[in-house]
Amino acid sequence: MIRTLITPENTSISLEVPASFIGKQVEVIAFTLSESVEEDLERDHTLTHYASQNSLSNDWLTDDEDKAWQDL
């Protein structure tokens, strides 16, 4: 993973990637530091729900859980 901070001087940004990246999908995300992800998490607590959903489903989606809740 490569992470860097830049201050663009115009509306165009050029990237150079290592040779090992060639032929692979590369995700590029651009946001200003004032658009902090942490600020988004503080405002929107549902993001925590989505982040934990896969992990929690390992416990919830079992035959034992189905049996425990079948009378409700």
C-alpha atoms as a PDB file:
ATOM      1  CA  MET A   1       0.000   0.000   0.000  1.00  0.00           C
ATOM      2  CA  ILE A   2       1.217   3.456  -0.841  1.00  0.00           C
ATOM      3  CA  ARG A   3      -0.140   6.482   0.971  1.00  0.00           C
ATOM      4  CA  THR A   4       0.918  10.051   0.353  1.00  0.00           C
ATOM      5  CA  LEU A   5      -0.333  13.599   0.802  1.00  0.00           C
ATOM      6  CA  ILE A   6      -0.215  16.113  -2.029  1.00  0.00           C
ATOM      7  CA  THR A   7      -1.314  19.689  -2.619  1.00  0.00           C
ATOM      8  CA  PRO A   8      -2.472  19.993  -6.236  1.00  0.00           C
ATOM      9  CA  GLU A   9      -1.474  23.114  -8.132  1.00  0.00           C
ATOM     10  CA  ASN A  10      -4.233  22.658 -10.742  1.00  0.00           C
ATOM     11  CA  THR A  11      -7.166  20.345 -11.496  1.00  0.00           C
ATOM     12  CA  SER A  12      -5.052  17.491 -12.847  1.00  0.00           C
ATOM     13  CA  ILE A  13      -3.137  14.901 -10.841  1.00  0.00           C
ATOM     14  CA  SER A  14      -0.709  12.348 -12.309  1.00  0.00           C
ATOM     15  CA  LEU A  15       0.284   9.163 -10.484  1.00  0.00           C
ATOM     16  CA  GLU A  16       3.258   6.897 -10.875  1.00  0.00           C
ATOM     17  CA  VAL A  17       2.890   3.377  -9.493  1.00  0.00           C
ATOM     18  CA  PRO A  18       5.440   0.647  -8.770  1.00  0.00           C
ATOM     19  CA  ALA A  19       6.020  -1.956 -11.478  1.00  0.00           C
ATOM     20  CA  SER A  20       4.373  -4.559  -9.233  1.00  0.00           C
ATOM     21  CA  PHE A  21       1.060  -2.690  -9.608  1.00  0.00           C
ATOM     22  CA  ILE A  22       0.971  -3.111 -13.390  1.00  0.00           C
ATOM     23  CA  GLY A  23      -1.915  -5.302 -14.515  1.00  0.00           C
ATOM     24  CA  LYS A  24      -3.653  -5.128 -11.121  1.00  0.00           C
ATOM     25  CA  GLN A  25      -6.691  -3.131 -10.097  1.00  0.00           C
ATOM     26  CA  VAL A  26      -5.660  -0.107  -8.050  1.00  0.00           C
ATOM     27  CA  GLU A  27      -8.110   1.922  -5.964  1.00  0.00           C
ATOM     28  CA  VAL A  28      -7.436   5.651  -5.824  1.00  0.00           C
ATOM     29  CA  ILE A  29      -9.392   7.748  -3.329  1.00  0.00           C
ATOM     30  CA  ALA A  30      -9.087  11.536  -3.217  1.00  0.00           C
ATOM     31  CA  PHE A  31     -10.507  13.765  -0.497  1.00  0.00           C
ATOM     32  CA  THR A  32      -9.389  16.874   1.302  1.00  0.00           C
ATOM     33  CA  LEU A  33      -8.137  16.538   4.855  1.00  0.00           C
ATOM     34  CA  SER A  34     -11.142  18.575   5.997  1.00  0.00           C
ATOM     35  CA  GLU A  35     -13.320  15.711   4.697  1.00  0.00           C
ATOM     36  CA  SER A  36     -11.970  13.338   7.314  1.00  0.00           C
ATOM     37  CA  VAL A  37     -13.368   9.823   7.451  1.00  0.00           C
ATOM     38  CA  GLU A  38     -13.375  10.097  11.239  1.00  0.00           C
ATOM     39  CA  GLU A  39     -15.726  13.082  11.019  1.00  0.00           C
ATOM     40  CA  ASP A  40     -18.071  11.026   8.840  1.00  0.00           C
ATOM     41  CA  LEU A  41     -18.067   8.165  11.357  1.00  0.00           C
ATOM     42  CA  GLU A  42     -18.918  10.535  14.193  1.00  0.00           C
ATOM     43  CA  ARG A  43     -21.888  11.916  12.261  1.00  0.00           C
ATOM     44  CA  ASP A  44     -23.171   8.609  10.869  1.00  0.00           C
ATOM     45  CA  HIS A  45     -23.208   5.767  13.371  1.00  0.00           C
ATOM     46  CA  THR A  46     -24.857   3.421  10.843  1.00  0.00           C
ATOM     47  CA  LEU A  47     -21.452   2.980   9.188  1.00  0.00           C
ATOM     48  CA  THR A  48     -20.358   0.980  12.223  1.00  0.00           C
ATOM     49  CA  HIS A  49     -23.344  -1.290  11.680  1.00  0.00           C
ATOM     50  CA  TYR A  50     -22.360  -2.000   8.090  1.00  0.00           C
ATOM     51  CA  ALA A  51     -18.725  -2.575   8.991  1.00  0.00           C
ATOM     52  CA  SER A  52     -19.596  -5.163  11.630  1.00  0.00           C
ATOM     53  CA  GLN A  53     -22.418  -6.906   9.738  1.00  0.00           C
ATOM     54  CA  ASN A  54     -20.246  -9.592   8.118  1.00  0.00           C
ATOM     55  CA  SER A  55     -18.473 -10.374  11.365  1.00  0.00           C
ATOM     56  CA  LEU A  56     -21.687 -10.625  13.356  1.00  0.00           C
ATOM     57  CA  SER A  57     -23.405 -12.755  10.719  1.00  0.00           C
ATOM     58  CA  ASN A  58     -20.920 -15.540  11.486  1.00  0.00           C
ATOM     59  CA  ASP A  59     -22.560 -15.832  14.917  1.00  0.00           C
ATOM     60  CA  TRP A  60     -26.141 -15.086  13.872  1.00  0.00           C
ATOM     61  CA  LEU A  61     -26.564 -17.237  10.782  1.00  0.00           C
ATOM     62  CA  THR A  62     -26.328 -20.642  12.429  1.00  0.00           C
ATOM     63  CA  ASP A  63     -28.778 -23.495  12.997  1.00  0.00           C
ATOM     64  CA  ASP A  64     -28.413 -22.997  16.761  1.00  0.00           C
ATOM     65  CA  GLU A  65     -29.492 -19.356  16.469  1.00  0.00           C
ATOM     66  CA  ASP A  66     -32.454 -20.292  14.256  1.00  0.00           C
ATOM     67  CA  LYS A  67     -33.515 -22.885  16.827  1.00  0.00           C
ATOM     68  CA  ALA A  68     -33.178 -20.409  19.701  1.00  0.00           C
ATOM     69  CA  TRP A  69     -35.428 -17.829  18.000  1.00  0.00           C
ATOM     70  CA  GLN A  70     -37.985 -20.137  16.379  1.00  0.00           C
ATOM     71  CA  ASP A  71     -40.721 -19.518  19.005  1.00  0.00           C
ATOM     72  CA  LEU A  72     -40.708 -15.731  18.679  1.00  0.00           C
END
